[in-house]
Protein backbone atom coordinates (compact mmCIF):
# COMPACT_ATOMS: atom_id res chain seq x y z
CA MET A 1 -35.84 23.75 13.67
CA THR A 2 -35.48 19.63 12.40
CA THR A 3 -32.47 17.33 13.39
CA GLN A 4 -31.66 18.47 9.58
CA GLU A 5 -32.31 22.15 9.31
CA ARG A 6 -29.07 22.24 12.18
CA LEU A 7 -26.62 19.88 10.71
CA PRO A 8 -23.24 21.74 9.38
CA ARG A 9 -22.19 22.79 6.21
CA PHE A 10 -19.17 20.02 4.62
CA ARG A 11 -17.18 20.86 2.18
CA ALA A 12 -19.42 19.14 -1.31
CA ALA A 13 -15.98 16.94 -1.84
CA VAL A 14 -16.05 15.16 1.59
CA ARG A 15 -20.74 14.86 1.73
CA GLU A 16 -19.58 13.20 -2.21
CA LEU A 17 -17.02 10.57 -1.01
CA VAL A 18 -17.03 6.86 -0.16
CA SER A 19 -16.59 5.72 2.93
CA TYR A 20 -13.37 2.99 3.33
CA ARG A 21 -14.56 -0.47 3.53
CA PRO A 22 -12.08 -3.20 4.74
CA GLU A 23 -13.92 -6.79 3.92
CA LYS A 24 -16.41 -8.06 6.12
CA PRO A 25 -15.06 -11.33 8.18
CA ALA A 26 -15.99 -14.84 6.97
CA LEU A 27 -16.86 -17.37 8.58
CA SER A 28 -17.24 -21.02 6.92
CA PRO A 29 -20.47 -23.55 8.40
CA GLU A 30 -17.84 -24.33 10.63
CA GLY A 31 -17.33 -21.71 12.20
CA ARG A 32 -13.54 -21.49 10.45
CA SER A 33 -12.50 -17.68 8.76
CA TYR A 34 -9.65 -17.27 6.60
CA ALA A 35 -8.13 -14.13 6.51
CA LEU A 36 -7.50 -13.28 2.82
CA ALA A 37 -8.72 -10.02 2.19
CA ALA A 38 -6.12 -7.12 3.53
CA ASN A 39 -2.39 -8.38 3.09
CA GLU A 40 -1.12 -8.71 5.86
CA THR A 41 1.15 -11.07 7.26
CA PRO A 42 0.26 -14.13 8.34
CA PHE A 43 2.93 -13.95 10.79
CA GLY A 44 2.14 -12.86 14.68
CA PRO A 45 4.38 -10.16 16.22
CA LEU A 46 8.50 -10.54 15.65
CA PRO A 47 10.02 -11.68 19.02
CA GLU A 48 11.95 -8.04 19.33
CA VAL A 49 8.70 -5.92 18.68
CA ALA A 50 7.22 -7.74 21.17
CA ARG A 51 9.56 -6.77 23.70
CA ALA A 52 9.63 -3.65 22.65
CA ILE A 53 6.26 -2.46 22.88
CA GLN A 54 6.27 -4.37 25.66
CA GLU A 55 9.37 -1.86 27.39
CA GLN A 56 7.25 1.54 25.87
CA THR A 57 4.18 0.94 27.54
CA GLU A 58 5.92 3.06 30.59
CA GLY A 59 5.75 5.46 28.58
CA ILE A 60 2.49 6.15 27.06
CA ASN A 61 1.58 9.04 29.40
CA ARG A 62 4.39 11.17 27.31
CA TYR A 63 3.69 12.08 23.93
CA PRO A 64 6.28 10.06 21.57
CA ASP A 65 8.87 12.17 19.85
CA ASN A 66 7.52 14.23 17.21
CA THR A 67 10.32 14.42 14.95
CA GLY A 68 11.48 10.99 15.05
CA GLN A 69 15.11 10.73 15.76
CA ALA A 70 15.37 7.40 16.83
CA LEU A 71 13.86 5.68 13.85
CA THR A 72 14.57 8.05 11.33
CA ALA A 73 18.57 7.29 12.25
CA GLU A 74 17.31 3.89 12.05
CA ILE A 75 16.18 3.76 8.62
CA ALA A 76 18.96 6.42 7.29
CA GLU A 77 22.05 3.48 8.44
CA ARG A 78 20.05 0.56 7.07
CA PHE A 79 19.10 2.10 3.74
CA GLY A 80 21.77 4.55 3.03
CA VAL A 81 18.85 7.44 2.93
CA ASP A 82 20.23 10.67 3.86
CA PRO A 83 17.63 11.68 7.58
CA ASP A 84 16.77 14.88 6.19
CA GLY A 85 15.37 13.28 3.90
CA ILE A 86 12.78 10.84 5.21
CA ALA A 87 9.23 11.77 6.80
CA LEU A 88 7.59 9.13 9.04
CA GLY A 89 3.41 9.11 9.28
CA CYS A 90 1.14 7.22 9.96
CA GLY A 91 1.91 4.47 7.47
CA SER A 92 2.52 5.48 4.02
CA VAL A 93 -1.38 6.36 3.52
CA GLY A 94 -0.86 8.36 6.22
CA VAL A 95 2.20 9.81 4.40
CA ALA A 96 0.41 9.65 1.24
CA GLN A 97 -2.20 12.32 2.88
CA GLN A 98 0.45 14.84 4.05
CA LEU A 99 2.22 14.62 -0.01
CA ILE A 100 -1.34 15.64 -1.46
CA THR A 101 -1.74 18.08 1.11
CA ALA A 102 1.70 19.78 0.64
CA VAL A 103 1.33 19.60 -2.84
CA ALA A 104 -1.69 19.92 -4.71
CA GLU A 105 -3.99 23.19 -4.95
CA PRO A 106 -8.20 22.22 -5.52
CA GLY A 107 -8.40 21.74 -8.74
CA ASP A 108 -4.92 20.55 -9.92
CA GLU A 109 -4.80 16.97 -10.76
CA VAL A 110 -2.97 14.18 -9.09
CA LEU A 111 -2.32 11.33 -11.39
CA TYR A 112 -2.06 6.97 -10.78
CA ALA A 113 -3.23 4.05 -12.46
CA TRP A 114 -6.21 2.40 -12.01
CA PRO A 115 -6.85 0.00 -11.60
CA SER A 116 -4.33 0.85 -8.44
CA PHE A 117 -4.63 1.64 -4.61
CA GLU A 118 -7.78 2.38 -3.36
CA ALA A 119 -7.10 5.11 -1.11
CA TYR A 120 -5.26 7.99 -4.03
CA PRO A 121 -9.17 9.44 -5.31
CA LEU A 122 -10.02 9.20 -2.38
CA LEU A 123 -7.31 11.58 -0.73
CA THR A 124 -7.28 13.25 -4.32
CA ARG A 125 -10.91 14.70 -3.71
CA LEU A 126 -10.23 15.31 0.48
CA ALA A 127 -7.56 17.88 -0.64
CA GLY A 128 -10.19 18.74 -3.35
CA ALA A 129 -8.01 17.91 -6.20
CA VAL A 130 -8.65 16.06 -9.43
CA PRO A 131 -8.30 12.89 -9.70
CA VAL A 132 -6.78 11.75 -13.33
CA ALA A 133 -6.97 8.04 -12.97
CA VAL A 134 -5.37 5.94 -16.51
CA PRO A 135 -6.76 1.71 -16.78
CA LEU A 136 -4.11 -0.78 -16.22
CA ARG A 137 -2.92 -2.82 -19.61
CA ASP A 138 -2.25 -6.46 -19.12
CA ASN A 139 -2.97 -6.03 -15.61
CA ALA A 140 0.04 -3.39 -14.90
CA HIS A 141 0.81 -0.10 -15.45
CA ASP A 142 1.17 1.97 -18.56
CA LEU A 143 3.50 4.43 -17.95
CA ALA A 144 3.55 5.82 -21.50
CA THR A 145 -0.20 6.32 -21.52
CA MET A 146 0.43 7.80 -18.07
CA ALA A 147 2.95 10.64 -19.13
CA GLU A 148 0.51 11.46 -22.07
CA HIS A 149 -2.15 12.56 -19.80
CA PHE A 150 0.28 14.82 -18.18
CA THR A 151 -1.20 18.65 -18.46
CA ASP A 152 -0.37 22.13 -16.76
CA ARG A 153 -2.05 21.42 -13.44
CA THR A 154 -0.54 17.90 -13.37
CA ARG A 155 1.28 18.42 -9.54
CA LEU A 156 1.98 14.58 -8.63
CA VAL A 157 1.45 11.44 -10.05
CA PHE A 158 1.24 7.97 -8.24
CA VAL A 159 3.05 4.53 -9.08
CA CYS A 160 2.40 1.54 -7.11
CA ASN A 161 5.31 -0.61 -7.48
CA PRO A 162 4.43 -3.67 -7.56
CA ASN A 163 1.04 -2.50 -7.53
CA ASN A 164 -2.06 -2.86 -5.35
CA PRO A 165 -4.33 -4.72 -6.17
CA THR A 166 -2.91 -6.85 -9.43
CA GLY A 167 1.17 -7.57 -8.28
CA THR A 168 3.08 -6.64 -11.75
CA VAL A 169 5.41 -4.23 -11.52
CA VAL A 170 7.35 -1.70 -13.17
CA GLY A 171 10.95 -2.70 -14.68
CA ARG A 172 13.77 -0.07 -14.34
CA ALA A 173 13.85 1.05 -17.61
CA GLU A 174 10.55 2.04 -17.83
CA LEU A 175 10.19 3.89 -14.52
CA GLU A 176 13.30 5.88 -15.58
CA GLU A 177 12.70 6.79 -19.34
CA PHE A 178 8.90 7.71 -17.44
CA LEU A 179 10.72 9.47 -14.29
CA GLY A 180 12.75 11.57 -17.37
CA ARG A 181 9.48 12.89 -18.76
CA VAL A 182 8.00 14.01 -15.74
CA PRO A 183 7.16 18.18 -16.39
CA PRO A 184 9.01 20.65 -14.20
CA GLY A 185 6.57 21.11 -11.05
CA CYS A 186 5.24 17.40 -10.74
CA LEU A 187 5.95 15.37 -8.28
CA VAL A 188 6.66 11.41 -8.64
CA VAL A 189 5.17 8.90 -5.50
CA LEU A 190 6.84 5.77 -6.14
CA ASP A 191 4.75 3.83 -3.45
CA GLU A 192 6.70 0.84 -2.69
CA ALA A 193 4.49 -1.14 0.21
CA TYR A 194 5.32 -4.39 -1.20
CA HIS A 195 8.88 -3.74 -2.16
CA GLU A 196 9.87 -6.83 0.80
CA TYR A 197 8.29 -9.16 -1.16
CA VAL A 198 9.58 -8.43 -4.43
CA ARG A 199 11.78 -10.99 -5.72
CA ASP A 200 11.89 -10.02 -9.59
CA LYS A 201 16.00 -8.71 -10.71
CA ALA A 202 14.69 -6.27 -13.00
CA VAL A 203 12.81 -4.22 -10.18
CA PRO A 204 15.11 -1.62 -9.09
CA ASP A 205 14.57 -0.16 -5.14
CA GLY A 206 13.26 3.00 -5.10
CA LEU A 207 15.03 4.15 -2.82
CA SER A 208 18.42 4.38 -5.65
CA LEU A 209 16.46 6.52 -7.77
CA VAL A 210 16.50 8.97 -5.04
CA PRO A 211 19.98 10.94 -5.99
CA GLY A 212 19.51 13.39 -8.83
CA ARG A 213 16.31 12.76 -8.70
CA PRO A 214 13.95 15.60 -6.80
CA HIS A 215 11.46 15.15 -8.14
CA LEU A 216 10.95 11.60 -7.14
CA VAL A 217 9.38 10.80 -3.52
CA VAL A 218 9.34 6.98 -2.32
CA LEU A 219 6.92 5.79 0.30
CA ARG A 220 7.37 3.07 2.35
CA THR A 221 5.71 1.14 5.27
CA PHE A 222 5.71 -1.40 7.93
CA SER A 223 2.06 -2.43 7.67
CA LYS A 224 3.10 -5.30 5.91
CA ALA A 225 5.99 -7.42 5.67
CA TYR A 226 7.35 -6.41 9.03
CA GLY A 227 3.73 -6.72 11.05
CA LEU A 228 2.85 -4.08 12.55
CA ALA A 229 -0.55 -3.02 10.01
CA GLY A 230 -2.21 -2.41 13.54
CA LEU A 231 0.40 0.08 14.51
CA ARG A 232 0.04 2.29 11.83
CA ILE A 233 3.76 3.30 10.40
CA GLY A 234 5.77 4.34 7.62
CA TYR A 235 7.92 7.18 5.71
CA ALA A 236 9.08 8.76 2.65
CA ALA A 237 12.36 9.33 1.20
CA GLY A 238 13.26 11.97 -1.01
CA HIS A 239 14.90 14.91 -1.10
CA PRO A 240 15.92 16.96 1.40
CA GLU A 241 14.38 20.34 0.71
CA VAL A 242 11.10 18.52 -0.45
CA ILE A 243 10.81 16.19 2.84
CA GLY A 244 11.14 19.46 4.51
CA THR A 245 8.60 20.46 3.00
CA LEU A 246 6.41 17.69 3.13
CA ARG A 247 7.29 17.85 7.08
CA LYS A 248 5.04 20.63 7.70
CA ALA A 249 2.11 19.12 6.94
CA TYR A 250 2.36 16.19 9.54
CA LEU A 251 -0.46 16.16 11.76
CA PRO A 252 1.77 16.37 15.34
CA TYR A 253 1.81 13.70 16.59
CA SER A 254 0.48 10.97 14.97
CA ALA A 255 3.50 8.58 14.74
CA GLY A 256 3.23 7.04 17.98
CA SER A 257 5.68 5.86 20.75
CA LEU A 258 4.42 2.13 20.45
CA ALA A 259 4.89 2.11 16.17
CA GLN A 260 8.02 4.15 16.31
CA ALA A 261 9.73 1.87 19.27
CA ALA A 262 8.94 -1.71 17.59
CA ALA A 263 9.70 0.00 13.76
CA ILE A 264 13.36 -0.22 15.20
CA ALA A 265 12.86 -3.67 16.78
CA ALA A 266 11.01 -4.71 13.37
CA LEU A 267 13.98 -2.98 11.10
CA ARG A 268 16.64 -4.85 13.69
CA SER A 269 14.59 -8.37 13.19
CA GLY A 270 16.34 -8.21 9.49
CA ASP A 271 16.83 -12.33 8.88
CA GLU A 272 13.70 -13.34 10.39
CA VAL A 273 12.09 -10.69 7.92
CA ALA A 274 13.54 -11.84 4.95
CA ARG A 275 13.05 -15.43 6.80
CA ARG A 276 9.03 -14.82 6.60
CA THR A 277 9.05 -13.15 3.86
CA GLY A 278 10.41 -16.16 2.18
CA VAL A 279 7.65 -18.44 2.95
CA VAL A 280 5.06 -15.76 1.53
CA THR A 281 6.73 -15.29 -1.34
CA ALA A 282 7.66 -19.67 -2.06
CA GLU A 283 3.59 -20.37 -1.19
CA ARG A 284 2.86 -17.62 -3.57
CA THR A 285 4.49 -19.68 -6.12
CA ARG A 286 2.53 -22.99 -5.16
CA LEU A 287 -1.05 -21.21 -5.53
CA ALA A 288 -0.79 -18.93 -8.60
CA ALA A 289 0.25 -22.78 -9.88
CA ALA A 290 -1.62 -24.19 -8.29
CA LEU A 291 -4.82 -21.55 -9.74
CA ASP A 292 -3.05 -21.76 -13.05
CA ALA A 293 -3.44 -25.40 -13.28
CA HIS A 294 -6.97 -25.42 -13.10
CA GLY A 295 -7.40 -22.36 -15.69
CA TRP A 296 -7.66 -19.34 -13.63
CA ARG A 297 -5.13 -17.65 -14.78
CA PRO A 298 -3.67 -15.23 -12.22
CA ALA A 299 -1.59 -12.20 -12.83
CA ALA A 300 2.50 -12.13 -12.28
CA SER A 301 2.33 -10.75 -8.74
CA GLU A 302 5.70 -9.90 -6.80
CA ALA A 303 3.39 -8.48 -3.98
CA ASN A 304 2.19 -10.81 -0.74
CA PHE A 305 -1.39 -10.55 -3.20
CA LEU A 306 -3.02 -12.87 -6.31
CA TRP A 307 -4.89 -10.83 -8.70
CA LEU A 308 -8.00 -12.77 -10.52
CA PRO A 309 -8.53 -11.12 -12.90
CA LEU A 310 -12.52 -12.21 -12.95
CA GLY A 311 -14.00 -9.07 -14.30
CA GLU A 312 -18.32 -8.94 -13.54
CA ARG A 313 -17.95 -12.29 -11.99
CA ALA A 314 -15.71 -10.97 -9.11
CA THR A 315 -18.45 -9.68 -6.96
CA VAL A 316 -20.19 -13.17 -7.29
CA PHE A 317 -16.32 -14.93 -6.16
CA GLY A 318 -15.88 -12.63 -3.31
CA ALA A 319 -19.23 -13.49 -2.17
CA HIS A 320 -18.82 -17.38 -2.89
CA CYS A 321 -15.18 -17.69 -1.20
CA ALA A 322 -17.07 -15.67 2.00
CA THR A 323 -19.27 -19.08 2.38
CA ALA A 324 -16.34 -20.81 3.33
CA GLY A 325 -15.54 -18.25 5.58
CA VAL A 326 -12.56 -16.82 3.65
CA SER A 327 -12.23 -13.01 2.75
CA VAL A 328 -10.69 -11.75 0.22
CA ARG A 329 -11.26 -8.08 -1.57
CA ALA A 330 -13.47 -8.11 -4.48
CA VAL A 331 -13.30 -4.97 -6.66
CA ALA A 332 -16.58 -4.83 -8.48
CA GLY A 333 -16.55 -5.63 -12.51
CA ALA A 334 -12.78 -6.20 -12.60
CA GLY A 335 -11.28 -9.01 -10.34
CA VAL A 336 -10.32 -10.55 -6.74
CA ARG A 337 -7.19 -9.50 -5.08
CA VAL A 338 -6.18 -12.36 -2.00
CA THR A 339 -3.98 -12.16 0.76
CA VAL A 340 -0.84 -15.05 0.45
CA GLY A 341 -1.20 -16.63 3.70
CA LEU A 342 -0.24 -19.95 5.80
CA PRO A 343 -0.50 -23.07 3.45
CA SER A 344 -3.93 -23.87 5.26
CA ASP A 345 -5.23 -20.42 4.39
CA ASN A 346 -4.13 -21.57 1.53
CA ASP A 347 -5.17 -24.26 0.24
CA ALA A 348 -8.90 -23.47 1.71
CA PHE A 349 -9.19 -20.81 -0.92
CA LEU A 350 -7.95 -22.93 -3.14
CA ALA A 351 -10.97 -25.27 -2.49
CA ALA A 352 -13.27 -22.13 -2.76
CA ALA A 353 -11.90 -21.50 -5.74
CA ALA A 354 -12.21 -25.14 -7.07
CA SER A 355 -16.09 -25.49 -6.01
CA PHE A 356 -16.85 -21.97 -7.99
CA PRO A 357 -19.53 -22.49 -10.89
CA SER A 358 -16.98 -22.53 -13.70
CA ALA A 359 -18.40 -19.47 -16.53
């Protein structure tokens, strides 16, 4: 019997998936590298976070608190949320997977805008559910059209606000109207991974929308503004009964002890987090203005990245930036997402964009 014949039989839904592949680090001819592809913060660990991790290392021979009581209490106090309405996970993407697992049977539908967070279709197919993608309109969610796609099989809807990869946002009035049109038995997941970078007053804090809406869950992460991308910790907030069911789909101990301790320290470093996000949003404004002045027309962003709707030129533009040592996220046939970094990083990107041949 050959090796091929001895291979196990995998589910069709898994065989057909394409693995997530982050952009490869790019190097300039001078050996310089500018990491602007992954939406990470450009700042190193918060001082309190570094101390908390160091203190926690002495106990890593023990399992973490599977219920995350200390972190849950910290989140509840910080944001005025019922602790019974909070569930932790391995980054917000881990919580998203828990939600799909808990809600969608094989053949059920999961609705989302596109392009949006690329994990949505992957996690949906992995669960055996059916992904339903509704195209963006002017680089933003078209909630009215999304509502027209509700069927009796729709079990979950993702609304990424700000949207990844475009950075565009949905305002309170539009979002509340959409929530009012959701059919019974369907859960709306408001993904607020980039909430800390929002400066538009018309964009609601998703947590303020939860009371009275048991069909709404809000996702948050510590990977972006809080700088814990390497530790993988996030949470969901919603109605206690919904969250209680969600916890049943939690992979035991996947929110590690270092991650939990670091997240508590990060929440207690609010002033420094606010200062850092202020630096990024100021650079976002500068970078967008510079690009606009040169005719690039980036989408209006409330996240820590900008979106260039380059269509079929996206892949070529991404490769061009890589030759200058600038890593960006190219979405084939759609556009390019560039993370807002420190001034030197952004200047390197602007130089690369300026040298790209015009159409």
